[in-house]
Amino acid sequence: MTWTFSDTDISTNLAKVRLAIGDVDTNDQIVTDEIVNYYLGLYSNDIVMTAIDVIERAILPKFASDTDRNTAGISATRSQKFRQYMDLLARLRERGSRVSEVYLGGISLSDADAISTNTDLVQPAITRTRDDNDG
């Protein structure tokens, strides 16, 4: 199991997910590279969706199973981390839905072009393009 992050190179999708989930402290590693890369593969390198799933399926269960501790006046409150990740999850979901709303409002021009030129798709008998003009 490996864990890598360098704040001098955040160009990789792995580093971007680590930034999104706050897993950037070498001394407090939360999830392995393998876990992050697995979810990056599931979501075709979508950073927000990967971060959401990593939090939901790897981080929250980890902190939910930890108990709060208080020994000799030193307190380690795991439930605070759980709540912080729940808040982060809500913010990422909101961010992801805003990105989706823009795209779901219609089909992009590049998608329309790709569909109309795809010879494997059944094309409609009658078509009207954005360049057609009634007058």
N, C-alpha and C. Protein backbone atom coordinates (compact mmCIF):
# COMPACT_ATOMS: atom_id res chain seq x y z
N MET A 1 0.84 -1.18 0.00
CA MET A 1 0.00 0.00 0.00
C MET A 1 0.88 1.25 0.00
N THR A 2 0.54 2.17 -0.89
CA THR A 2 1.35 3.38 -1.00
C THR A 2 0.51 4.63 -0.74
N TRP A 3 1.20 5.67 -0.38
CA TRP A 3 0.58 6.99 -0.19
C TRP A 3 1.57 8.02 -0.71
N THR A 4 1.13 8.79 -1.70
CA THR A 4 2.02 9.81 -2.25
C THR A 4 1.27 11.13 -2.38
N PHE A 5 1.98 12.20 -2.11
CA PHE A 5 1.48 13.55 -2.36
C PHE A 5 2.66 14.51 -2.29
N SER A 6 2.70 15.43 -3.24
CA SER A 6 3.71 16.47 -3.23
C SER A 6 3.02 17.77 -3.57
N ASP A 7 3.14 18.74 -2.68
CA ASP A 7 2.48 20.02 -2.95
C ASP A 7 3.21 20.83 -4.02
N THR A 8 4.33 20.32 -4.50
CA THR A 8 5.02 21.00 -5.59
C THR A 8 4.57 20.49 -6.95
N ASP A 9 3.83 19.37 -6.99
CA ASP A 9 3.30 18.85 -8.25
C ASP A 9 1.87 18.37 -8.01
N ILE A 10 0.92 19.22 -8.31
CA ILE A 10 -0.49 18.85 -8.13
C ILE A 10 -1.19 18.70 -9.48
N SER A 11 -0.42 18.31 -10.49
CA SER A 11 -0.98 18.15 -11.83
C SER A 11 -1.65 16.80 -12.04
N THR A 12 -1.35 15.81 -11.20
CA THR A 12 -1.95 14.49 -11.39
C THR A 12 -3.35 14.45 -10.80
N ASN A 13 -4.18 13.58 -11.33
CA ASN A 13 -5.54 13.42 -10.79
C ASN A 13 -5.51 12.89 -9.36
N LEU A 14 -4.54 12.05 -9.05
CA LEU A 14 -4.39 11.57 -7.68
C LEU A 14 -4.18 12.73 -6.72
N ALA A 15 -3.28 13.64 -7.08
CA ALA A 15 -3.00 14.81 -6.23
C ALA A 15 -4.23 15.71 -6.12
N LYS A 16 -4.97 15.86 -7.21
CA LYS A 16 -6.17 16.70 -7.19
C LYS A 16 -7.24 16.12 -6.26
N VAL A 17 -7.38 14.80 -6.28
CA VAL A 17 -8.35 14.16 -5.36
C VAL A 17 -7.87 14.33 -3.92
N ARG A 18 -6.59 14.12 -3.69
CA ARG A 18 -6.06 14.30 -2.32
C ARG A 18 -6.33 15.72 -1.82
N LEU A 19 -6.14 16.71 -2.68
CA LEU A 19 -6.45 18.09 -2.29
C LEU A 19 -7.93 18.25 -1.98
N ALA A 20 -8.78 17.67 -2.81
CA ALA A 20 -10.23 17.80 -2.62
C ALA A 20 -10.70 17.17 -1.31
N ILE A 21 -10.07 16.07 -0.90
CA ILE A 21 -10.50 15.39 0.32
C ILE A 21 -9.67 15.77 1.53
N GLY A 22 -8.64 16.58 1.33
CA GLY A 22 -7.82 17.04 2.45
C GLY A 22 -6.84 16.00 2.96
N ASP A 23 -6.48 15.06 2.14
CA ASP A 23 -5.54 14.00 2.54
C ASP A 23 -4.14 14.35 2.03
N VAL A 24 -3.54 15.40 2.61
CA VAL A 24 -2.26 15.91 2.10
C VAL A 24 -1.15 15.91 3.15
N ASP A 25 -1.42 15.36 4.32
CA ASP A 25 -0.43 15.36 5.41
C ASP A 25 0.25 14.00 5.49
N THR A 26 1.54 13.98 5.21
CA THR A 26 2.30 12.73 5.24
C THR A 26 2.22 12.06 6.60
N ASN A 27 2.10 12.83 7.67
CA ASN A 27 2.05 12.28 9.02
C ASN A 27 0.65 11.83 9.43
N ASP A 28 -0.35 12.12 8.62
CA ASP A 28 -1.73 11.73 8.94
C ASP A 28 -2.41 11.24 7.65
N GLN A 29 -1.90 10.15 7.10
CA GLN A 29 -2.41 9.60 5.85
C GLN A 29 -3.76 8.93 6.08
N ILE A 30 -4.70 9.20 5.18
CA ILE A 30 -6.06 8.70 5.37
C ILE A 30 -6.38 7.53 4.44
N VAL A 31 -6.16 7.70 3.13
CA VAL A 31 -6.43 6.61 2.18
C VAL A 31 -5.22 6.39 1.29
N THR A 32 -5.10 5.18 0.80
CA THR A 32 -3.95 4.81 -0.02
C THR A 32 -4.13 5.27 -1.47
N ASP A 33 -3.03 5.32 -2.19
CA ASP A 33 -3.07 5.63 -3.61
C ASP A 33 -3.95 4.64 -4.36
N GLU A 34 -3.86 3.37 -3.96
CA GLU A 34 -4.63 2.33 -4.64
C GLU A 34 -6.13 2.58 -4.55
N ILE A 35 -6.60 3.01 -3.39
CA ILE A 35 -8.03 3.31 -3.22
C ILE A 35 -8.42 4.49 -4.11
N VAL A 36 -7.66 5.55 -4.06
CA VAL A 36 -7.98 6.73 -4.87
C VAL A 36 -7.95 6.38 -6.35
N ASN A 37 -6.93 5.65 -6.79
CA ASN A 37 -6.82 5.28 -8.20
C ASN A 37 -7.95 4.36 -8.64
N TYR A 38 -8.41 3.49 -7.75
CA TYR A 38 -9.54 2.62 -8.07
C TYR A 38 -10.77 3.47 -8.41
N TYR A 39 -11.09 4.44 -7.56
CA TYR A 39 -12.26 5.28 -7.82
C TYR A 39 -12.05 6.22 -8.99
N LEU A 40 -10.81 6.67 -9.22
CA LEU A 40 -10.54 7.47 -10.42
C LEU A 40 -10.86 6.66 -11.67
N GLY A 41 -10.55 5.37 -11.64
CA GLY A 41 -10.87 4.50 -12.77
C GLY A 41 -12.36 4.32 -12.97
N LEU A 42 -13.09 4.21 -11.88
CA LEU A 42 -14.55 4.05 -11.97
C LEU A 42 -15.22 5.28 -12.57
N TYR A 43 -14.71 6.44 -12.28
CA TYR A 43 -15.35 7.68 -12.70
C TYR A 43 -14.59 8.38 -13.82
N SER A 44 -13.83 7.64 -14.60
CA SER A 44 -13.12 8.20 -15.75
C SER A 44 -12.37 9.48 -15.40
N ASN A 45 -11.70 9.45 -14.27
CA ASN A 45 -10.87 10.57 -13.80
C ASN A 45 -11.65 11.83 -13.44
N ASP A 46 -12.93 11.70 -13.13
CA ASP A 46 -13.73 12.84 -12.65
C ASP A 46 -13.34 13.08 -11.19
N ILE A 47 -12.71 14.21 -10.94
CA ILE A 47 -12.15 14.51 -9.62
C ILE A 47 -13.23 14.61 -8.55
N VAL A 48 -14.29 15.34 -8.83
CA VAL A 48 -15.34 15.56 -7.83
C VAL A 48 -16.05 14.25 -7.49
N MET A 49 -16.45 13.48 -8.50
CA MET A 49 -17.14 12.21 -8.25
C MET A 49 -16.23 11.23 -7.52
N THR A 50 -14.95 11.22 -7.88
CA THR A 50 -14.00 10.36 -7.18
C THR A 50 -13.88 10.76 -5.72
N ALA A 51 -13.74 12.06 -5.47
CA ALA A 51 -13.62 12.54 -4.09
C ALA A 51 -14.86 12.17 -3.28
N ILE A 52 -16.04 12.32 -3.87
CA ILE A 52 -17.29 11.97 -3.18
C ILE A 52 -17.28 10.50 -2.80
N ASP A 53 -16.94 9.63 -3.74
CA ASP A 53 -16.96 8.19 -3.45
C ASP A 53 -15.87 7.79 -2.46
N VAL A 54 -14.70 8.38 -2.55
CA VAL A 54 -13.63 8.06 -1.60
C VAL A 54 -14.08 8.44 -0.18
N ILE A 55 -14.70 9.60 -0.06
CA ILE A 55 -15.18 10.00 1.27
C ILE A 55 -16.27 9.05 1.75
N GLU A 56 -17.25 8.78 0.89
CA GLU A 56 -18.39 7.93 1.28
C GLU A 56 -17.98 6.50 1.61
N ARG A 57 -17.11 5.93 0.78
CA ARG A 57 -16.85 4.50 0.88
C ARG A 57 -15.58 4.12 1.62
N ALA A 58 -14.67 5.08 1.79
CA ALA A 58 -13.40 4.75 2.46
C ALA A 58 -13.17 5.57 3.72
N ILE A 59 -13.41 6.86 3.66
CA ILE A 59 -13.07 7.71 4.80
C ILE A 59 -14.14 7.68 5.89
N LEU A 60 -15.40 7.90 5.52
CA LEU A 60 -16.46 7.92 6.54
C LEU A 60 -16.57 6.60 7.31
N PRO A 61 -16.54 5.45 6.63
CA PRO A 61 -16.58 4.20 7.40
C PRO A 61 -15.40 4.06 8.37
N LYS A 62 -14.25 4.56 7.96
CA LYS A 62 -13.07 4.49 8.83
C LYS A 62 -13.28 5.30 10.11
N PHE A 63 -13.75 6.54 9.97
CA PHE A 63 -13.95 7.39 11.14
C PHE A 63 -15.21 7.02 11.92
N ALA A 64 -16.18 6.43 11.26
CA ALA A 64 -17.39 6.01 11.97
C ALA A 64 -17.10 4.85 12.92
N SER A 65 -16.12 4.04 12.55
CA SER A 65 -15.80 2.89 13.40
C SER A 65 -14.84 3.24 14.53
N ASP A 66 -14.18 4.40 14.44
CA ASP A 66 -13.29 4.84 15.51
C ASP A 66 -14.11 5.44 16.65
N THR A 67 -13.61 5.28 17.85
CA THR A 67 -14.31 5.83 19.01
C THR A 67 -13.57 7.05 19.53
N ASP A 68 -14.32 7.92 20.20
CA ASP A 68 -13.70 9.08 20.85
C ASP A 68 -12.90 8.58 22.04
N ARG A 69 -11.74 9.21 22.28
CA ARG A 69 -10.87 8.79 23.38
C ARG A 69 -10.54 9.97 24.26
N ASN A 70 -10.37 9.71 25.54
CA ASN A 70 -9.93 10.73 26.47
C ASN A 70 -9.07 10.04 27.53
N THR A 71 -7.76 10.27 27.45
CA THR A 71 -6.84 9.63 28.36
C THR A 71 -5.98 10.69 29.03
N ALA A 72 -6.02 10.73 30.32
CA ALA A 72 -5.17 11.62 31.12
C ALA A 72 -5.24 13.07 30.64
N GLY A 73 -6.44 13.52 30.34
CA GLY A 73 -6.63 14.91 29.94
C GLY A 73 -6.33 15.19 28.49
N ILE A 74 -5.89 14.18 27.75
CA ILE A 74 -5.63 14.35 26.32
C ILE A 74 -6.82 13.77 25.57
N SER A 75 -7.42 14.58 24.73
CA SER A 75 -8.62 14.15 24.03
C SER A 75 -8.37 14.01 22.54
N ALA A 76 -8.80 12.91 21.98
CA ALA A 76 -8.77 12.70 20.54
C ALA A 76 -10.19 12.41 20.10
N THR A 77 -10.82 13.34 19.45
CA THR A 77 -12.23 13.21 19.11
C THR A 77 -12.38 12.82 17.65
N ARG A 78 -12.62 11.54 17.43
CA ARG A 78 -12.78 11.02 16.07
C ARG A 78 -14.11 11.48 15.47
N SER A 79 -15.12 11.68 16.29
CA SER A 79 -16.42 12.08 15.77
C SER A 79 -16.36 13.45 15.11
N GLN A 80 -15.42 14.30 15.53
CA GLN A 80 -15.25 15.60 14.88
C GLN A 80 -14.76 15.41 13.44
N LYS A 81 -13.84 14.50 13.23
CA LYS A 81 -13.37 14.22 11.87
C LYS A 81 -14.50 13.66 11.02
N PHE A 82 -15.31 12.80 11.62
CA PHE A 82 -16.45 12.24 10.90
C PHE A 82 -17.38 13.36 10.45
N ARG A 83 -17.70 14.28 11.36
CA ARG A 83 -18.59 15.41 11.02
C ARG A 83 -17.96 16.32 9.97
N GLN A 84 -16.65 16.55 10.08
CA GLN A 84 -15.97 17.39 9.09
C GLN A 84 -16.06 16.76 7.69
N TYR A 85 -15.89 15.45 7.61
CA TYR A 85 -15.99 14.79 6.31
C TYR A 85 -17.43 14.74 5.81
N MET A 86 -18.39 14.67 6.70
CA MET A 86 -19.79 14.75 6.28
C MET A 86 -20.08 16.12 5.67
N ASP A 87 -19.55 17.17 6.29
CA ASP A 87 -19.72 18.53 5.76
C ASP A 87 -19.01 18.67 4.40
N LEU A 88 -17.80 18.14 4.30
CA LEU A 88 -17.06 18.20 3.04
C LEU A 88 -17.81 17.43 1.95
N LEU A 89 -18.36 16.29 2.31
CA LEU A 89 -19.13 15.49 1.36
C LEU A 89 -20.33 16.28 0.83
N ALA A 90 -21.03 16.97 1.71
CA ALA A 90 -22.18 17.78 1.30
C ALA A 90 -21.74 18.89 0.33
N ARG A 91 -20.62 19.53 0.62
CA ARG A 91 -20.13 20.59 -0.26
C ARG A 91 -19.71 20.04 -1.62
N LEU A 92 -19.06 18.88 -1.63
CA LEU A 92 -18.66 18.28 -2.91
C LEU A 92 -19.88 17.85 -3.72
N ARG A 93 -20.89 17.30 -3.06
CA ARG A 93 -22.12 16.93 -3.78
C ARG A 93 -22.77 18.15 -4.40
N GLU A 94 -22.80 19.25 -3.65
CA GLU A 94 -23.38 20.49 -4.18
C GLU A 94 -22.58 20.97 -5.39
N ARG A 95 -21.28 20.92 -5.26
CA ARG A 95 -20.41 21.34 -6.37
C ARG A 95 -20.62 20.44 -7.58
N GLY A 96 -20.71 19.15 -7.35
CA GLY A 96 -20.93 18.21 -8.45
C GLY A 96 -22.27 18.40 -9.12
N SER A 97 -23.31 18.71 -8.34
CA SER A 97 -24.62 18.91 -8.94
C SER A 97 -24.67 20.20 -9.74
N ARG A 98 -23.94 21.23 -9.31
CA ARG A 98 -23.90 22.47 -10.08
C ARG A 98 -23.22 22.25 -11.42
N VAL A 99 -22.16 21.46 -11.44
CA VAL A 99 -21.48 21.17 -12.69
C VAL A 99 -22.40 20.38 -13.60
N SER A 100 -23.13 19.42 -13.06
CA SER A 100 -24.04 18.60 -13.85
C SER A 100 -25.20 19.41 -14.39
N GLU A 101 -25.72 20.34 -13.61
CA GLU A 101 -26.87 21.12 -14.04
C GLU A 101 -26.57 21.88 -15.32
N VAL A 102 -25.38 22.41 -15.43
CA VAL A 102 -25.01 23.18 -16.61
C VAL A 102 -25.04 22.28 -17.83
N TYR A 103 -24.49 21.10 -17.72
CA TYR A 103 -24.42 20.20 -18.85
C TYR A 103 -25.76 19.55 -19.15
N LEU A 104 -26.54 19.23 -18.13
CA LEU A 104 -27.81 18.55 -18.34
C LEU A 104 -28.87 19.44 -18.96
N GLY A 105 -28.60 20.73 -19.05
CA GLY A 105 -29.56 21.64 -19.65
C GLY A 105 -29.72 21.41 -21.14
N GLY A 106 -28.84 20.72 -21.78
CA GLY A 106 -28.91 20.46 -23.21
C GLY A 106 -27.70 19.71 -23.67
N ILE A 107 -27.63 19.47 -24.94
CA ILE A 107 -26.50 18.74 -25.50
C ILE A 107 -25.48 19.76 -26.00
N SER A 108 -24.23 19.49 -25.78
CA SER A 108 -23.20 20.43 -26.22
C SER A 108 -23.05 20.35 -27.74
N LEU A 109 -22.50 21.40 -28.32
CA LEU A 109 -22.29 21.42 -29.77
C LEU A 109 -21.35 20.31 -30.21
N SER A 110 -20.31 20.07 -29.43
CA SER A 110 -19.37 19.01 -29.82
C SER A 110 -20.03 17.64 -29.74
N ASP A 111 -20.91 17.43 -28.73
CA ASP A 111 -21.64 16.16 -28.65
C ASP A 111 -22.61 16.01 -29.82
N ALA A 112 -23.29 17.10 -30.18
CA ALA A 112 -24.22 17.05 -31.31
C ALA A 112 -23.49 16.70 -32.59
N ASP A 113 -22.32 17.31 -32.80
CA ASP A 113 -21.53 17.00 -33.98
C ASP A 113 -21.07 15.55 -33.98
N ALA A 114 -20.64 15.07 -32.82
CA ALA A 114 -20.17 13.68 -32.72
C ALA A 114 -21.30 12.70 -33.01
N ILE A 115 -22.50 13.01 -32.54
CA ILE A 115 -23.65 12.14 -32.77
C ILE A 115 -24.03 12.14 -34.25
N SER A 116 -24.06 13.32 -34.86
CA SER A 116 -24.50 13.41 -36.26
C SER A 116 -23.50 12.79 -37.22
N THR A 117 -22.23 12.70 -36.85
CA THR A 117 -21.23 12.11 -37.74
C THR A 117 -20.93 10.65 -37.42
N ASN A 118 -21.54 10.11 -36.38
CA ASN A 118 -21.31 8.72 -36.00
C ASN A 118 -22.11 7.82 -36.94
N THR A 119 -21.43 7.10 -37.80
CA THR A 119 -22.11 6.25 -38.78
C THR A 119 -22.69 4.98 -38.17
N ASP A 120 -22.32 4.67 -36.94
CA ASP A 120 -22.84 3.47 -36.29
C ASP A 120 -24.21 3.72 -35.64
N LEU A 121 -24.57 4.98 -35.44
CA LEU A 121 -25.86 5.31 -34.85
C LEU A 121 -26.94 5.37 -35.93
N VAL A 122 -28.15 4.93 -35.59
CA VAL A 122 -29.27 5.06 -36.52
C VAL A 122 -29.62 6.54 -36.57
N GLN A 123 -29.56 7.09 -37.78
CA GLN A 123 -29.83 8.52 -37.96
C GLN A 123 -31.32 8.72 -38.24
N PRO A 124 -31.89 9.83 -37.79
CA PRO A 124 -33.30 10.10 -38.05
C PRO A 124 -33.55 10.34 -39.55
N ALA A 125 -34.78 10.06 -39.99
CA ALA A 125 -35.12 10.24 -41.40
C ALA A 125 -35.10 11.72 -41.78
N ILE A 126 -35.50 12.60 -40.86
CA ILE A 126 -35.53 14.04 -41.11
C ILE A 126 -34.65 14.71 -40.08
N THR A 127 -33.78 15.58 -40.54
CA THR A 127 -32.92 16.30 -39.59
C THR A 127 -32.98 17.79 -39.86
N ARG A 128 -32.72 18.53 -38.85
CA ARG A 128 -32.62 19.98 -38.95
C ARG A 128 -31.39 20.37 -38.14
N THR A 129 -30.50 21.10 -38.74
CA THR A 129 -29.28 21.47 -38.04
C THR A 129 -29.34 22.94 -37.63
N ARG A 130 -28.37 23.35 -36.87
CA ARG A 130 -28.34 24.73 -36.41
C ARG A 130 -28.05 25.70 -37.55
N ASP A 131 -27.58 25.18 -38.70
CA ASP A 131 -27.27 26.02 -39.85
C ASP A 131 -28.46 26.18 -40.80
N ASP A 132 -29.52 25.39 -40.60
CA ASP A 132 -30.71 25.53 -41.44
C ASP A 132 -31.39 26.87 -41.14
N ASN A 133 -31.94 27.49 -42.18
CA ASN A 133 -32.55 28.80 -42.02
C ASN A 133 -33.87 28.81 -42.79
N ASP A 134 -34.96 29.18 -42.10
CA ASP A 134 -36.26 29.23 -42.76
C ASP A 134 -36.41 30.44 -43.66
N GLY A 135 -35.65 31.46 -43.48
CA GLY A 135 -35.90 32.66 -44.26
C GLY A 135 -34.71 33.13 -44.88
